[in-house]
Amino acid sequence: MPVENHSNQEFNEEDEKNYKKNGLRQYGVYSAIVFQMLATMGLAFWGGNQLTEYLELPNQLLTVGVGFLGMGLAFYNLLNQLKRVQGNDSKKE
């Protein structure tokens, strides 16, 4: 009986298409993008708050400003990642 080596197993085209269209895989990709976006915004607001406390400012304008900057960066990153994911999906079909 021959011994098969599964570590070097190659997918045929049909298996590869099924893998790429797998709902659980797509859910993982999109949820990772959302968690990265939330982490970016959270770190921006936390960092802005730390700066405000360090500089002993009387108001929270620096917190809000750095937070909105982080939100802008998070949305920019979101759009770039969505373009990349959608581009990869359409190229491989």
N, C-alpha and C. Protein backbone atom coordinates (compact mmCIF):
# COMPACT_ATOMS: atom_id res chain seq x y z
N MET A 1 0.84 -1.16 0.00
CA MET A 1 0.00 0.00 0.00
C MET A 1 0.90 1.24 0.00
N PRO A 2 0.75 2.15 -0.96
CA PRO A 2 1.60 3.33 -1.03
C PRO A 2 1.24 4.35 0.05
N VAL A 3 2.24 5.04 0.53
CA VAL A 3 2.05 6.05 1.56
C VAL A 3 1.97 7.40 0.86
N GLU A 4 0.89 8.14 1.15
CA GLU A 4 0.71 9.45 0.52
C GLU A 4 1.24 10.54 1.45
N ASN A 5 1.88 11.50 0.84
CA ASN A 5 2.39 12.64 1.60
C ASN A 5 1.39 13.78 1.45
N HIS A 6 0.60 14.05 2.50
CA HIS A 6 -0.45 15.06 2.42
C HIS A 6 0.07 16.48 2.57
N SER A 7 1.30 16.65 3.04
CA SER A 7 1.82 18.00 3.23
C SER A 7 2.14 18.67 1.90
N ASN A 8 2.40 17.90 0.86
CA ASN A 8 2.71 18.46 -0.46
C ASN A 8 1.54 18.31 -1.42
N GLN A 9 0.35 18.06 -0.90
CA GLN A 9 -0.82 17.86 -1.73
C GLN A 9 -1.21 19.17 -2.41
N GLU A 10 -1.50 19.10 -3.68
CA GLU A 10 -1.90 20.29 -4.43
C GLU A 10 -3.39 20.25 -4.68
N PHE A 11 -4.00 21.42 -4.69
CA PHE A 11 -5.43 21.53 -4.97
C PHE A 11 -5.63 21.62 -6.48
N ASN A 12 -6.70 21.01 -6.94
CA ASN A 12 -7.06 21.25 -8.33
C ASN A 12 -7.85 22.55 -8.40
N GLU A 13 -8.21 22.99 -9.57
CA GLU A 13 -8.85 24.30 -9.73
C GLU A 13 -10.20 24.37 -9.04
N GLU A 14 -10.95 23.29 -9.07
CA GLU A 14 -12.26 23.29 -8.43
C GLU A 14 -12.14 23.41 -6.92
N ASP A 15 -11.19 22.69 -6.32
CA ASP A 15 -10.97 22.79 -4.88
C ASP A 15 -10.52 24.19 -4.48
N GLU A 16 -9.69 24.81 -5.31
CA GLU A 16 -9.20 26.15 -5.01
C GLU A 16 -10.34 27.17 -5.06
N LYS A 17 -11.24 27.05 -6.05
CA LYS A 17 -12.39 27.96 -6.13
C LYS A 17 -13.31 27.77 -4.94
N ASN A 18 -13.54 26.52 -4.53
CA ASN A 18 -14.40 26.27 -3.37
C ASN A 18 -13.79 26.85 -2.10
N TYR A 19 -12.46 26.77 -1.97
CA TYR A 19 -11.78 27.32 -0.79
C TYR A 19 -11.94 28.84 -0.75
N LYS A 20 -11.80 29.49 -1.88
CA LYS A 20 -11.86 30.95 -1.92
C LYS A 20 -13.28 31.46 -1.70
N LYS A 21 -14.29 30.65 -2.06
CA LYS A 21 -15.68 31.07 -1.89
C LYS A 21 -16.27 30.56 -0.58
N ASN A 22 -15.47 29.92 0.24
CA ASN A 22 -15.94 29.39 1.51
C ASN A 22 -16.43 30.54 2.38
N GLY A 23 -17.64 30.44 2.87
CA GLY A 23 -18.24 31.51 3.66
C GLY A 23 -17.49 31.77 4.95
N LEU A 24 -17.00 30.72 5.59
CA LEU A 24 -16.28 30.90 6.84
C LEU A 24 -14.96 31.63 6.62
N ARG A 25 -14.29 31.35 5.51
CA ARG A 25 -13.04 32.04 5.19
C ARG A 25 -13.31 33.52 4.94
N GLN A 26 -14.36 33.83 4.17
CA GLN A 26 -14.71 35.22 3.89
C GLN A 26 -15.10 35.95 5.18
N TYR A 27 -15.82 35.27 6.04
CA TYR A 27 -16.19 35.86 7.33
C TYR A 27 -14.94 36.20 8.13
N GLY A 28 -13.96 35.32 8.11
CA GLY A 28 -12.71 35.57 8.83
C GLY A 28 -11.95 36.76 8.28
N VAL A 29 -11.91 36.87 6.97
CA VAL A 29 -11.19 37.99 6.34
C VAL A 29 -11.84 39.32 6.71
N TYR A 30 -13.16 39.40 6.56
CA TYR A 30 -13.84 40.66 6.82
C TYR A 30 -13.88 41.00 8.31
N SER A 31 -14.01 40.01 9.18
CA SER A 31 -14.02 40.31 10.61
C SER A 31 -12.63 40.75 11.07
N ALA A 32 -11.58 40.24 10.48
CA ALA A 32 -10.23 40.69 10.82
C ALA A 32 -10.05 42.16 10.44
N ILE A 33 -10.60 42.55 9.31
CA ILE A 33 -10.51 43.96 8.88
C ILE A 33 -11.24 44.85 9.88
N VAL A 34 -12.41 44.42 10.33
CA VAL A 34 -13.19 45.23 11.28
C VAL A 34 -12.46 45.35 12.61
N PHE A 35 -11.90 44.25 13.11
CA PHE A 35 -11.19 44.31 14.39
C PHE A 35 -9.94 45.19 14.29
N GLN A 36 -9.28 45.16 13.15
CA GLN A 36 -8.12 46.04 12.96
C GLN A 36 -8.55 47.50 12.96
N MET A 37 -9.68 47.78 12.34
CA MET A 37 -10.21 49.14 12.30
C MET A 37 -10.57 49.61 13.70
N LEU A 38 -11.24 48.77 14.47
CA LEU A 38 -11.60 49.14 15.84
C LEU A 38 -10.37 49.35 16.71
N ALA A 39 -9.36 48.52 16.53
CA ALA A 39 -8.13 48.66 17.31
C ALA A 39 -7.42 49.97 16.97
N THR A 40 -7.39 50.33 15.70
CA THR A 40 -6.76 51.59 15.29
C THR A 40 -7.47 52.78 15.91
N MET A 41 -8.79 52.80 15.86
CA MET A 41 -9.53 53.91 16.43
C MET A 41 -9.39 53.94 17.96
N GLY A 42 -9.45 52.79 18.60
CA GLY A 42 -9.31 52.74 20.05
C GLY A 42 -7.95 53.22 20.51
N LEU A 43 -6.90 52.79 19.82
CA LEU A 43 -5.56 53.25 20.18
C LEU A 43 -5.38 54.74 19.95
N ALA A 44 -6.02 55.27 18.91
CA ALA A 44 -5.91 56.70 18.66
C ALA A 44 -6.57 57.51 19.77
N PHE A 45 -7.78 57.11 20.17
CA PHE A 45 -8.44 57.85 21.25
C PHE A 45 -7.70 57.66 22.58
N TRP A 46 -7.22 56.46 22.84
CA TRP A 46 -6.46 56.23 24.07
C TRP A 46 -5.17 57.07 24.06
N GLY A 47 -4.48 57.09 22.93
CA GLY A 47 -3.25 57.88 22.82
C GLY A 47 -3.51 59.36 22.98
N GLY A 48 -4.60 59.83 22.39
CA GLY A 48 -4.97 61.24 22.55
C GLY A 48 -5.27 61.57 23.99
N ASN A 49 -5.94 60.68 24.69
CA ASN A 49 -6.23 60.89 26.11
C ASN A 49 -4.95 60.90 26.94
N GLN A 50 -4.02 60.00 26.62
CA GLN A 50 -2.75 59.97 27.34
C GLN A 50 -1.96 61.26 27.11
N LEU A 51 -1.98 61.77 25.88
CA LEU A 51 -1.30 63.04 25.60
C LEU A 51 -1.95 64.20 26.37
N THR A 52 -3.27 64.21 26.40
CA THR A 52 -3.97 65.26 27.13
C THR A 52 -3.61 65.24 28.61
N GLU A 53 -3.57 64.03 29.19
CA GLU A 53 -3.21 63.92 30.61
C GLU A 53 -1.75 64.29 30.84
N TYR A 54 -0.86 63.88 29.94
CA TYR A 54 0.57 64.17 30.10
C TYR A 54 0.83 65.67 30.01
N LEU A 55 0.17 66.33 29.07
CA LEU A 55 0.37 67.78 28.90
C LEU A 55 -0.49 68.60 29.86
N GLU A 56 -1.34 67.94 30.65
CA GLU A 56 -2.20 68.58 31.64
C GLU A 56 -3.05 69.70 31.03
N LEU A 57 -3.67 69.37 29.90
CA LEU A 57 -4.53 70.35 29.23
C LEU A 57 -5.90 70.39 29.92
N PRO A 58 -6.52 71.58 29.97
CA PRO A 58 -7.80 71.69 30.68
C PRO A 58 -8.99 71.09 29.92
N ASN A 59 -8.88 70.90 28.62
CA ASN A 59 -10.00 70.34 27.85
C ASN A 59 -9.53 69.11 27.06
N GLN A 60 -10.47 68.46 26.44
CA GLN A 60 -10.19 67.20 25.73
C GLN A 60 -10.07 67.38 24.22
N LEU A 61 -9.72 68.57 23.75
CA LEU A 61 -9.64 68.80 22.31
C LEU A 61 -8.54 67.96 21.64
N LEU A 62 -7.44 67.75 22.32
CA LEU A 62 -6.37 66.93 21.76
C LEU A 62 -6.82 65.47 21.63
N THR A 63 -7.55 65.00 22.61
CA THR A 63 -8.08 63.63 22.55
C THR A 63 -8.99 63.46 21.35
N VAL A 64 -9.88 64.41 21.17
CA VAL A 64 -10.82 64.34 20.05
C VAL A 64 -10.08 64.48 18.72
N GLY A 65 -9.13 65.38 18.64
CA GLY A 65 -8.38 65.57 17.40
C GLY A 65 -7.58 64.35 17.00
N VAL A 66 -6.85 63.77 17.94
CA VAL A 66 -6.06 62.57 17.64
C VAL A 66 -6.99 61.40 17.35
N GLY A 67 -8.12 61.34 18.05
CA GLY A 67 -9.10 60.28 17.80
C GLY A 67 -9.67 60.34 16.41
N PHE A 68 -10.03 61.55 15.96
CA PHE A 68 -10.56 61.70 14.60
C PHE A 68 -9.49 61.42 13.55
N LEU A 69 -8.25 61.77 13.85
CA LEU A 69 -7.16 61.43 12.94
C LEU A 69 -7.04 59.90 12.83
N GLY A 70 -7.14 59.21 13.95
CA GLY A 70 -7.12 57.75 13.94
C GLY A 70 -8.30 57.17 13.19
N MET A 71 -9.47 57.78 13.32
CA MET A 71 -10.64 57.30 12.58
C MET A 71 -10.43 57.47 11.08
N GLY A 72 -9.86 58.60 10.69
CA GLY A 72 -9.58 58.82 9.27
C GLY A 72 -8.61 57.78 8.73
N LEU A 73 -7.55 57.52 9.49
CA LEU A 73 -6.59 56.50 9.07
C LEU A 73 -7.21 55.11 9.02
N ALA A 74 -8.10 54.82 9.96
CA ALA A 74 -8.76 53.51 9.99
C ALA A 74 -9.66 53.34 8.77
N PHE A 75 -10.41 54.38 8.40
CA PHE A 75 -11.28 54.28 7.22
C PHE A 75 -10.47 54.21 5.93
N TYR A 76 -9.37 54.94 5.88
CA TYR A 76 -8.50 54.86 4.70
C TYR A 76 -7.94 53.44 4.55
N ASN A 77 -7.48 52.87 5.66
CA ASN A 77 -6.96 51.51 5.65
C ASN A 77 -8.07 50.52 5.29
N LEU A 78 -9.28 50.74 5.79
CA LEU A 78 -10.41 49.88 5.48
C LEU A 78 -10.68 49.85 3.98
N LEU A 79 -10.73 51.01 3.38
CA LEU A 79 -11.00 51.08 1.93
C LEU A 79 -9.91 50.39 1.13
N ASN A 80 -8.65 50.59 1.50
CA ASN A 80 -7.56 49.93 0.78
C ASN A 80 -7.63 48.42 0.91
N GLN A 81 -7.92 47.94 2.11
CA GLN A 81 -8.01 46.49 2.31
C GLN A 81 -9.20 45.90 1.57
N LEU A 82 -10.33 46.59 1.56
CA LEU A 82 -11.49 46.09 0.83
C LEU A 82 -11.23 46.04 -0.67
N LYS A 83 -10.55 47.05 -1.20
CA LYS A 83 -10.19 47.02 -2.62
C LYS A 83 -9.29 45.82 -2.92
N ARG A 84 -8.33 45.57 -2.03
CA ARG A 84 -7.40 44.47 -2.23
C ARG A 84 -8.12 43.12 -2.16
N VAL A 85 -9.03 42.97 -1.19
CA VAL A 85 -9.75 41.70 -1.04
C VAL A 85 -10.67 41.49 -2.23
N GLN A 86 -11.40 42.52 -2.63
CA GLN A 86 -12.30 42.39 -3.76
C GLN A 86 -11.54 42.16 -5.06
N GLY A 87 -10.38 42.80 -5.19
CA GLY A 87 -9.55 42.61 -6.39
C GLY A 87 -9.00 41.20 -6.46
N ASN A 88 -8.57 40.65 -5.33
CA ASN A 88 -8.05 39.29 -5.32
C ASN A 88 -9.14 38.28 -5.63
N ASP A 89 -10.36 38.53 -5.12
CA ASP A 89 -11.46 37.61 -5.38
C ASP A 89 -11.86 37.62 -6.85
N SER A 90 -11.87 38.80 -7.47
CA SER A 90 -12.31 38.87 -8.86
C SER A 90 -11.23 38.35 -9.82
N LYS A 91 -9.96 38.50 -9.48
CA LYS A 91 -8.87 37.99 -10.34
C LYS A 91 -8.81 36.49 -10.36
N LYS A 92 -9.12 35.86 -9.23
CA LYS A 92 -8.94 34.43 -9.10
C LYS A 92 -10.15 33.63 -9.54
N GLU A 93 -11.23 34.29 -9.92
CA GLU A 93 -12.42 33.56 -10.36
C GLU A 93 -12.28 33.19 -11.76
